[in-house]
Structure formats: C-alpha cells, structure tokens
Amino acid sequence: MPDALPLRPLHAPAELPWPGPTAVEWLLSLAVGFGLLVCLLWFARRVRRLRWRRSLQKELDRLASLVNATPEQATREAMVLIRQLLLLHHPREQVAAITGDAWLAHLEALCADTWFSAGNGRELVHAGFARPDDPRTAALALEAADRLVRATLVRLPDPPRA
C-alpha cells in the first residue's frame, strides 16, 4: 500500500468578535420602525378619507340622475341624506326635534352661509308639501344636500367611526 498522504488536522475558524447590536443601532431601528408605522397610519387615514369623500360624491351623483327621472324619490332621498349629515354633527334627539326655521338655522350654521334663510333654501321647509313629481323641488333638495356635504367634509374631514 502506498504511503498515505499526510493530512493536516482540521482547524475551526477563529471566532469573530461581534458583540451584537449597539444602543445606537437599536435606537436607529426603533426610529425606522416608528416612522414606518406613522406612514402606514397616515396612508390608511388618507385612504379612509378618500373613500368617504367618493361615497358621498357617488350618492350626490346618483341623486342628480334621479332628479328628472323620479323627482319624488330624489327629493325623499336627498332629505334623508340631509338628516343623516345633520346626525353627524348633533345628537339624534336634537335632530329629530327640529323643524321649520330651526331646521334651516341648523343647516345654515353648518354651511356658514345664508342660502337656507335668505336664498332658495328657504323653500326646503315647504318641500314636504310640494307636488311630489316636481323636479324643481328635487333639484332644490339636491342643492341643499350638496351644500351640506361640502360643509360636512370641511368640518369633519375624517369619516365617523361606525
């Protein structure tokens, strides 16, 4: 048998001195993590806001398409939308009790203009007694809903929590 080749013994590599992350590295990673969390929350809030705005605009567009086709339904649904928007700003008991000029005063206070008391909005008090198939009443209710939606989006930019 030929002579065996001389083998060298196995050597383990020398241990590298790594003490682990330093305090600065921990703080830096925490800051990056916190920054990512803030960005994620901001983005989620923005998406929620845009979704709410789009849904209100879709509802207004849908009501606008109903004005000439079925004005009675458009008037009824616009008035329901106005009540729902008032409920975002005031307690249910207070909104249920207001009628007539007090109702117009609440709408005017939210919209910060005089369209409801001095303009065409004054006719909203009598909208329930107008001819049901009158497109003018439906257009008036739609304009009131549009004004109130705009005011609500300014006063409450974030959608209410359900």
Protein backbone atom coordinates (compact mmCIF):
# COMPACT_ATOMS: atom_id res chain seq x y z
CA MET A 1 0.00 0.00 0.00
CA PRO A 2 1.41 3.36 -0.91
CA ASP A 3 2.18 5.86 1.76
CA ALA A 4 -0.83 7.81 2.86
CA LEU A 5 -0.81 11.46 2.11
CA PRO A 6 -0.07 13.49 5.15
CA LEU A 7 -3.29 15.18 6.30
CA ARG A 8 -3.37 18.28 8.32
CA PRO A 9 -5.63 18.44 11.30
CA LEU A 10 -8.92 20.38 10.91
CA HIS A 11 -8.91 23.93 12.18
CA ALA A 12 -12.01 25.72 13.32
CA PRO A 13 -12.15 29.33 12.17
CA ALA A 14 -11.41 31.88 14.77
CA GLU A 15 -14.46 33.39 16.37
CA LEU A 16 -15.38 36.80 15.11
CA PRO A 17 -15.89 39.32 17.82
CA TRP A 18 -19.48 40.59 17.29
CA PRO A 19 -20.97 41.96 20.45
CA GLY A 20 -24.46 42.32 18.96
CA PRO A 21 -26.31 45.50 18.07
CA THR A 22 -25.21 48.58 19.87
CA ALA A 23 -27.52 51.06 21.52
CA VAL A 24 -27.29 53.37 18.51
CA GLU A 25 -28.33 50.55 16.17
CA TRP A 26 -31.29 49.71 18.41
CA LEU A 27 -32.39 53.32 18.51
CA LEU A 28 -32.00 53.65 14.75
CA SER A 29 -34.07 50.52 14.10
CA LEU A 30 -36.76 51.72 16.54
CA ALA A 31 -36.87 55.11 14.80
CA VAL A 32 -37.21 53.48 11.38
CA GLY A 33 -39.94 51.16 12.68
CA PHE A 34 -41.81 54.05 14.26
CA GLY A 35 -41.51 56.06 11.04
CA LEU A 36 -42.92 53.17 9.03
CA LEU A 37 -45.81 52.81 11.46
CA VAL A 38 -46.63 56.53 11.22
CA CYS A 39 -46.53 56.35 7.41
CA LEU A 40 -48.82 53.32 7.41
CA LEU A 41 -51.34 55.01 9.73
CA TRP A 42 -51.26 58.21 7.66
CA PHE A 43 -51.84 56.26 4.47
CA ALA A 44 -54.74 54.28 6.00
CA ARG A 45 -56.36 57.51 7.22
CA ARG A 46 -55.96 59.09 3.79
CA VAL A 47 -57.50 56.09 2.05
CA ARG A 48 -60.40 56.16 4.50
CA ARG A 49 -60.96 59.88 3.89
CA LEU A 50 -60.89 59.48 0.11
CA ARG A 51 -63.25 56.51 0.27
CA TRP A 52 -65.70 58.54 2.36
CA ARG A 53 -65.49 61.53 0.01
CA ARG A 54 -66.03 59.29 -3.01
CA SER A 55 -69.03 57.59 -1.44
CA LEU A 56 -70.67 60.96 -0.65
CA GLN A 57 -69.97 62.20 -4.18
CA LYS A 58 -71.39 58.98 -5.65
CA GLU A 59 -74.55 59.44 -3.61
CA LEU A 60 -74.91 63.02 -4.86
CA ASP A 61 -74.36 61.89 -8.45
CA ARG A 62 -76.94 59.15 -8.03
CA LEU A 63 -79.46 61.65 -6.65
CA ALA A 64 -78.71 64.04 -9.53
CA SER A 65 -79.56 61.30 -12.01
CA LEU A 66 -82.89 60.75 -10.24
CA VAL A 67 -83.98 64.41 -10.30
CA ASN A 68 -85.56 64.30 -13.76
CA ALA A 69 -86.46 60.61 -13.86
CA THR A 70 -88.15 60.22 -10.47
CA PRO A 71 -88.19 63.58 -8.70
CA GLU A 72 -90.28 62.31 -5.78
CA GLN A 73 -87.69 59.65 -4.93
CA ALA A 74 -84.83 62.13 -5.45
CA THR A 75 -86.44 64.63 -3.05
CA ARG A 76 -87.11 61.97 -0.43
CA GLU A 77 -83.59 60.52 -0.59
CA ALA A 78 -81.94 63.96 -0.59
CA MET A 79 -83.87 64.88 2.55
CA VAL A 80 -82.80 61.60 4.16
CA LEU A 81 -79.18 62.37 3.27
CA ILE A 82 -79.52 65.84 4.80
CA ARG A 83 -80.87 64.32 8.03
CA GLN A 84 -78.06 61.76 8.11
CA LEU A 85 -75.47 64.50 7.69
CA LEU A 86 -77.09 66.52 10.48
CA LEU A 87 -76.84 63.45 12.72
CA LEU A 88 -73.06 63.55 12.27
CA HIS A 89 -72.99 66.97 13.92
CA HIS A 90 -75.77 66.82 16.53
CA PRO A 91 -77.34 64.19 18.81
CA ARG A 92 -80.28 62.20 17.44
CA GLU A 93 -82.77 63.70 19.90
CA GLN A 94 -81.86 67.22 18.86
CA VAL A 95 -82.09 66.48 15.11
CA ALA A 96 -85.42 64.67 15.45
CA ALA A 97 -87.00 67.63 17.23
CA ILE A 98 -86.03 70.42 14.84
CA THR A 99 -88.43 71.58 12.14
CA GLY A 100 -89.18 74.70 10.17
CA ASP A 101 -86.98 77.73 10.74
CA ALA A 102 -84.96 75.97 13.45
CA TRP A 103 -84.06 73.27 10.92
CA LEU A 104 -82.95 75.92 8.42
CA ALA A 105 -80.93 77.64 11.16
CA HIS A 106 -79.09 74.37 11.89
CA LEU A 107 -78.35 73.85 8.20
CA GLU A 108 -77.21 77.44 7.87
CA ALA A 109 -74.94 77.18 10.90
CA LEU A 110 -73.26 74.11 9.42
CA CYS A 111 -72.84 75.59 5.95
CA ALA A 112 -71.83 79.05 7.21
CA ASP A 113 -73.85 80.92 4.58
CA THR A 114 -77.31 82.44 4.29
CA TRP A 115 -78.60 80.31 1.41
CA PHE A 116 -81.02 78.48 3.70
CA SER A 117 -82.61 81.50 5.33
CA ALA A 118 -82.35 84.14 2.62
CA GLY A 119 -81.91 82.17 -0.59
CA ASN A 120 -83.73 79.35 -2.32
CA GLY A 121 -83.05 77.08 0.63
CA ARG A 122 -85.96 78.71 2.44
CA GLU A 123 -88.29 76.63 0.26
CA LEU A 124 -86.99 73.43 1.85
CA VAL A 125 -89.37 73.99 4.75
CA HIS A 126 -92.24 73.51 2.31
CA ALA A 127 -90.61 70.71 0.27
CA GLY A 128 -92.68 68.08 2.05
CA PHE A 129 -95.86 69.80 0.95
CA ALA A 130 -94.88 70.46 -2.67
CA ARG A 131 -96.09 68.39 -5.59
CA PRO A 132 -94.30 65.05 -5.34
CA ASP A 133 -93.36 64.97 -9.02
CA ASP A 134 -91.91 68.50 -9.14
CA PRO A 135 -88.30 68.37 -10.45
CA ARG A 136 -87.67 71.89 -9.10
CA THR A 137 -88.20 70.71 -5.52
CA ALA A 138 -85.93 67.72 -6.17
CA ALA A 139 -83.22 70.00 -7.60
CA LEU A 140 -83.56 72.29 -4.58
CA ALA A 141 -83.20 69.36 -2.14
CA LEU A 142 -80.21 68.11 -4.13
CA GLU A 143 -78.53 71.52 -3.97
CA ALA A 144 -79.12 71.65 -0.21
CA ALA A 145 -77.63 68.16 0.17
CA ASP A 146 -74.63 69.20 -1.94
CA ARG A 147 -74.03 72.30 0.19
CA LEU A 148 -74.30 70.25 3.37
CA VAL A 149 -71.95 67.53 2.05
CA ARG A 150 -69.32 70.16 1.24
CA ALA A 151 -69.69 71.75 4.67
CA THR A 152 -69.50 68.36 6.37
CA LEU A 153 -66.31 67.46 4.52
CA VAL A 154 -64.76 70.73 5.68
CA ARG A 155 -65.87 70.38 9.31
CA LEU A 156 -65.39 66.61 9.58
CA PRO A 157 -62.62 65.63 7.17
CA ASP A 158 -62.44 62.17 8.71
CA PRO A 159 -65.40 59.83 8.37
CA PRO A 160 -67.22 59.00 11.58
CA ARG A 161 -66.39 55.72 13.27
CA ALA A 162 -69.18 53.21 12.95
